[in-house]
C-alpha atoms as a PDB file:
ATOM      1  CA  MET A   1     -49.972 -10.451  37.030  1.00  0.00           C
ATOM      2  CA  ALA A   2     -46.508 -10.808  37.317  1.00  0.00           C
ATOM      3  CA  SER A   3     -44.416 -10.379  39.927  1.00  0.00           C
ATOM      4  CA  GLN A   4     -42.385  -7.322  40.497  1.00  0.00           C
ATOM      5  CA  ASP A   5     -38.914  -6.847  41.502  1.00  0.00           C
ATOM      6  CA  TYR A   6     -37.600  -5.476  44.851  1.00  0.00           C
ATOM      7  CA  LEU A   7     -35.160  -2.710  45.917  1.00  0.00           C
ATOM      8  CA  ILE A   8     -33.761  -4.378  49.096  1.00  0.00           C
ATOM      9  CA  ALA A   9     -31.670  -2.753  51.416  1.00  0.00           C
ATOM     10  CA  ILE A  10     -28.673  -4.842  52.961  1.00  0.00           C
ATOM     11  CA  ALA A  11     -26.265  -4.110  56.027  1.00  0.00           C
ATOM     12  CA  LEU A  12     -23.282  -6.074  56.471  1.00  0.00           C
ATOM     13  CA  ILE A  13     -22.825  -6.128  60.486  1.00  0.00           C
ATOM     14  CA  GLU A  14     -21.122  -7.094  63.630  1.00  0.00           C
ATOM     15  CA  GLN A  15     -22.647  -6.863  66.917  1.00  0.00           C
ATOM     16  CA  ASN A  16     -21.016  -8.642  70.190  1.00  0.00           C
ATOM     17  CA  SER A  17     -18.586 -10.264  67.637  1.00  0.00           C
ATOM     18  CA  VAL A  18     -21.297 -11.651  66.012  1.00  0.00           C
ATOM     19  CA  ARG A  19     -22.120 -11.093  62.226  1.00  0.00           C
ATOM     20  CA  ALA A  20     -25.684 -10.427  61.306  1.00  0.00           C
ATOM     21  CA  MET A  21     -27.314  -9.521  58.146  1.00  0.00           C
ATOM     22  CA  PRO A  22     -30.481  -7.139  58.496  1.00  0.00           C
ATOM     23  CA  LEU A  23     -32.463  -6.400  55.651  1.00  0.00           C
ATOM     24  CA  GLY A  24     -35.497  -4.897  54.100  1.00  0.00           C
ATOM     25  CA  GLY A  25     -37.139  -3.822  50.866  1.00  0.00           C
ATOM     26  CA  LYS A  26     -40.114  -2.590  48.815  1.00  0.00           C
ATOM     27  CA  GLU A  27     -41.713  -3.535  46.003  1.00  0.00           C
ATOM     28  CA  ILE A  28     -40.625  -1.472  42.594  1.00  0.00           C
ATOM     29  CA  LYS A  29     -44.255   0.005  41.072  1.00  0.00           C
ATOM     30  CA  ASP A  30     -42.370   2.631  39.044  1.00  0.00           C
ATOM     31  CA  ASN A  31     -39.531   2.824  36.225  1.00  0.00           C
ATOM     32  CA  LEU A  32     -36.077   2.842  38.488  1.00  0.00           C
ATOM     33  CA  ASP A  33     -34.978   4.377  35.082  1.00  0.00           C
ATOM     34  CA  ASP A  34     -36.058   7.791  36.258  1.00  0.00           C
ATOM     35  CA  LYS A  35     -33.156   8.774  38.597  1.00  0.00           C
ATOM     36  CA  ASP A  36     -35.628  10.798  40.838  1.00  0.00           C
ATOM     37  CA  ILE A  37     -37.927   7.891  41.393  1.00  0.00           C
ATOM     38  CA  PHE A  38     -34.891   5.515  42.064  1.00  0.00           C
ATOM     39  CA  ARG A  39     -33.210   7.909  44.257  1.00  0.00           C
ATOM     40  CA  LYS A  40     -36.592   8.716  46.637  1.00  0.00           C
ATOM     41  CA  LEU A  41     -37.342   4.547  46.537  1.00  0.00           C
ATOM     42  CA  GLY A  42     -33.700   3.547  47.362  1.00  0.00           C
ATOM     43  CA  GLU A  43     -33.370   6.501  50.206  1.00  0.00           C
ATOM     44  CA  ASP A  44     -36.898   5.242  51.680  1.00  0.00           C
ATOM     45  CA  VAL A  45     -35.655   1.442  51.815  1.00  0.00           C
ATOM     46  CA  ILE A  46     -32.104   2.604  53.163  1.00  0.00           C
ATOM     47  CA  LEU A  47     -33.426   4.862  55.912  1.00  0.00           C
ATOM     48  CA  ASN A  48     -35.690   2.338  56.876  1.00  0.00           C
ATOM     49  CA  LEU A  49     -33.021  -0.454  57.430  1.00  0.00           C
ATOM     50  CA  LEU A  50     -30.951   2.273  59.146  1.00  0.00           C
ATOM     51  CA  LEU A  51     -33.417   3.002  61.455  1.00  0.00           C
ATOM     52  CA  ARG A  52     -34.074  -1.088  62.643  1.00  0.00           C
ATOM     53  CA  VAL A  53     -30.125  -0.968  62.705  1.00  0.00           C
ATOM     54  CA  PHE A  54     -30.085   1.704  64.844  1.00  0.00           C
ATOM     55  CA  GLN A  55     -32.205   0.416  67.466  1.00  0.00           C
ATOM     56  CA  ARG A  56     -30.574  -2.745  67.707  1.00  0.00           C
ATOM     57  CA  SER A  57     -27.630  -0.456  69.205  1.00  0.00           C
ATOM     58  CA  ALA A  58     -29.099  -0.882  72.706  1.00  0.00           C
ATOM     59  CA  GLU A  59     -28.260  -4.692  72.128  1.00  0.00           C
ATOM     60  CA  GLY A  60     -24.456  -3.819  72.170  1.00  0.00           C
ATOM     61  CA  PRO A  61     -22.013  -1.940  70.024  1.00  0.00           C
ATOM     62  CA  LEU A  62     -22.262  -2.199  66.349  1.00  0.00           C
ATOM     63  CA  ASN A  63     -19.475  -2.138  63.680  1.00  0.00           C
ATOM     64  CA  THR A  64     -19.873  -2.532  59.818  1.00  0.00           C
ATOM     65  CA  ALA A  65     -18.462  -5.539  58.362  1.00  0.00           C
ATOM     66  CA  SER A  66     -16.884  -3.831  55.374  1.00  0.00           C
ATOM     67  CA  GLU A  67     -15.964  -0.278  55.173  1.00  0.00           C
ATOM     68  CA  ASP A  68     -16.891  -0.122  51.478  1.00  0.00           C
ATOM     69  CA  SER A  69     -19.609  -2.228  51.019  1.00  0.00           C
ATOM     70  CA  GLY A  70     -21.344  -2.559  54.416  1.00  0.00           C
ATOM     71  CA  LEU A  71     -24.427  -1.233  53.024  1.00  0.00           C
ATOM     72  CA  LEU A  72     -25.952  -2.159  49.961  1.00  0.00           C
ATOM     73  CA  LEU A  73     -29.182  -1.662  47.801  1.00  0.00           C
ATOM     74  CA  VAL A  74     -29.738  -4.199  45.414  1.00  0.00           C
ATOM     75  CA  HIS A  75     -32.403  -4.712  42.644  1.00  0.00           C
ATOM     76  CA  MET A  76     -33.609  -8.575  42.447  1.00  0.00           C
ATOM     77  CA  HIS A  77     -36.597 -10.715  41.457  1.00  0.00           C
ATOM     78  CA  PRO A  78     -38.841 -11.988  44.085  1.00  0.00           C
ATOM     79  CA  LYS A  79     -38.489 -15.625  43.215  1.00  0.00           C
ATOM     80  CA  ARG A  80     -34.626 -15.112  43.655  1.00  0.00           C
ATOM     81  CA  MET A  81     -35.280 -12.895  46.519  1.00  0.00           C
ATOM     82  CA  GLN A  82     -36.907 -15.962  48.368  1.00  0.00           C
ATOM     83  CA  LYS A  83     -35.360 -18.959  47.423  1.00  0.00           C
ATOM     84  CA  GLU A  84     -31.540 -18.059  47.141  1.00  0.00           C
ATOM     85  CA  LEU A  85     -30.888 -14.795  49.214  1.00  0.00           C
ATOM     86  CA  PRO A  86     -31.340 -16.726  52.419  1.00  0.00           C
ATOM     87  CA  PHE A  87     -28.548 -19.514  51.476  1.00  0.00           C
ATOM     88  CA  ILE A  88     -25.794 -16.587  50.783  1.00  0.00           C
ATOM     89  CA  LYS A  89     -27.106 -14.704  53.439  1.00  0.00           C
ATOM     90  CA  SER A  90     -26.226 -17.971  56.002  1.00  0.00           C
ATOM     91  CA  GLU A  91     -23.153 -18.830  53.936  1.00  0.00           C
ATOM     92  CA  TRP A  92     -21.953 -14.799  55.014  1.00  0.00           C
ATOM     93  CA  ILE A  93     -23.280 -15.087  58.371  1.00  0.00           C
ATOM     94  CA  ARG A  94     -21.019 -18.247  58.945  1.00  0.00           C
ATOM     95  CA  ASP A  95     -18.210 -17.624  57.118  1.00  0.00           C
ATOM     96  CA  GLY A  96     -17.809 -13.639  56.635  1.00  0.00           C
ATOM     97  CA  ASP A  97     -16.487 -13.644  53.322  1.00  0.00           C
ATOM     98  CA  THR A  98     -17.711 -10.367  52.091  1.00  0.00           C
ATOM     99  CA  LYS A  99     -15.913 -10.613  48.402  1.00  0.00           C
ATOM    100  CA  GLN A 100     -17.365 -13.971  47.628  1.00  0.00           C
ATOM    101  CA  PHE A 101     -20.904 -12.729  49.292  1.00  0.00           C
ATOM    102  CA  LEU A 102     -20.927  -9.575  46.635  1.00  0.00           C
ATOM    103  CA  LYS A 103     -19.983 -12.235  43.975  1.00  0.00           C
ATOM    104  CA  TYR A 104     -23.075 -14.532  44.492  1.00  0.00           C
ATOM    105  CA  LEU A 105     -25.075 -11.291  45.014  1.00  0.00           C
ATOM    106  CA  GLY A 106     -24.075  -9.873  41.988  1.00  0.00           C
ATOM    107  CA  ASN A 107     -24.936 -12.946  40.029  1.00  0.00           C
ATOM    108  CA  LEU A 108     -28.296 -13.297  41.694  1.00  0.00           C
ATOM    109  CA  SER A 109     -29.428  -9.406  41.222  1.00  0.00           C
ATOM    110  CA  LYS A 110     -29.978  -7.024  38.106  1.00  0.00           C
ATOM    111  CA  GLU A 111     -27.930  -4.730  39.658  1.00  0.00           C
ATOM    112  CA  VAL A 112     -26.317  -3.932  43.046  1.00  0.00           C
ATOM    113  CA  TRP A 113     -25.041  -0.641  44.598  1.00  0.00           C
ATOM    114  CA  SER A 114     -23.106   0.189  47.873  1.00  0.00           C
ATOM    115  CA  ALA A 115     -24.750   3.723  49.701  1.00  0.00           C
ATOM    116  CA  SER A 116     -22.737   5.871  51.732  1.00  0.00           C
ATOM    117  CA  PHE A 117     -23.434   9.201  53.215  1.00  0.00           C
ATOM    118  CA  VAL A 118     -21.541  12.238  51.402  1.00  0.00           C
ATOM    119  CA  LYS A 119     -21.498  15.477  53.688  1.00  0.00           C
ATOM    120  CA  TYR A 120     -23.468  18.073  52.177  1.00  0.00           C
ATOM    121  CA  LYS A 121     -24.945  15.813  49.568  1.00  0.00           C
ATOM    122  CA  GLY A 122     -26.455  13.100  51.369  1.00  0.00           C
ATOM    123  CA  ILE A 123     -27.262   9.185  50.082  1.00  0.00           C
ATOM    124  CA  GLU A 124     -25.236   8.517  47.240  1.00  0.00           C
ATOM    125  CA  PHE A 125     -25.641   5.048  45.486  1.00  0.00           C
ATOM    126  CA  THR A 126     -22.450   3.663  44.002  1.00  0.00           C
ATOM    127  CA  SER A 127     -23.245   0.812  41.384  1.00  0.00           C
ATOM    128  CA  ILE A 128     -21.014  -2.311  41.991  1.00  0.00           C
ATOM    129  CA  SER A 129     -20.353  -3.927  38.324  1.00  0.00           C
ATOM    130  CA  LYS A 130     -21.018  -7.740  38.271  1.00  0.00           C
ATOM    131  CA  ASN A 131     -17.464  -7.891  36.688  1.00  0.00           C
ATOM    132  CA  GLU A 132     -15.534  -5.393  38.778  1.00  0.00           C
ATOM    133  CA  GLU A 133     -12.794  -7.332  41.298  1.00  0.00           C
ATOM    134  CA  ILE A 134     -14.054  -6.581  44.487  1.00  0.00           C
END
């Protein structure tokens, strides 16, 4: 049986003047072209990660490292997730170059969305184009 893709939530944060990149994800078992399925799975993955990030706040103040792209949702193949994501994660933690990180992430993934909360609407996902200047 072929490996299923993953939907991965990534938070770009700073805590106690140290960059961190907590992440979490779920295997995609349904068709993401169905907007209701995508929204439900995306919200589940984001909310699970945000709960873990919230629990970290006991260790010190948290700041998002990027206002526009501090919380991401990524559609990625498991082999790339296991082999290449750790490298670009360690590079971002080392140098904090969010623009470069997003460029690499866009090249590794099938799609990248930024996630935000909109009052009275809930969580919104905005596609980040692979060709878009970030």
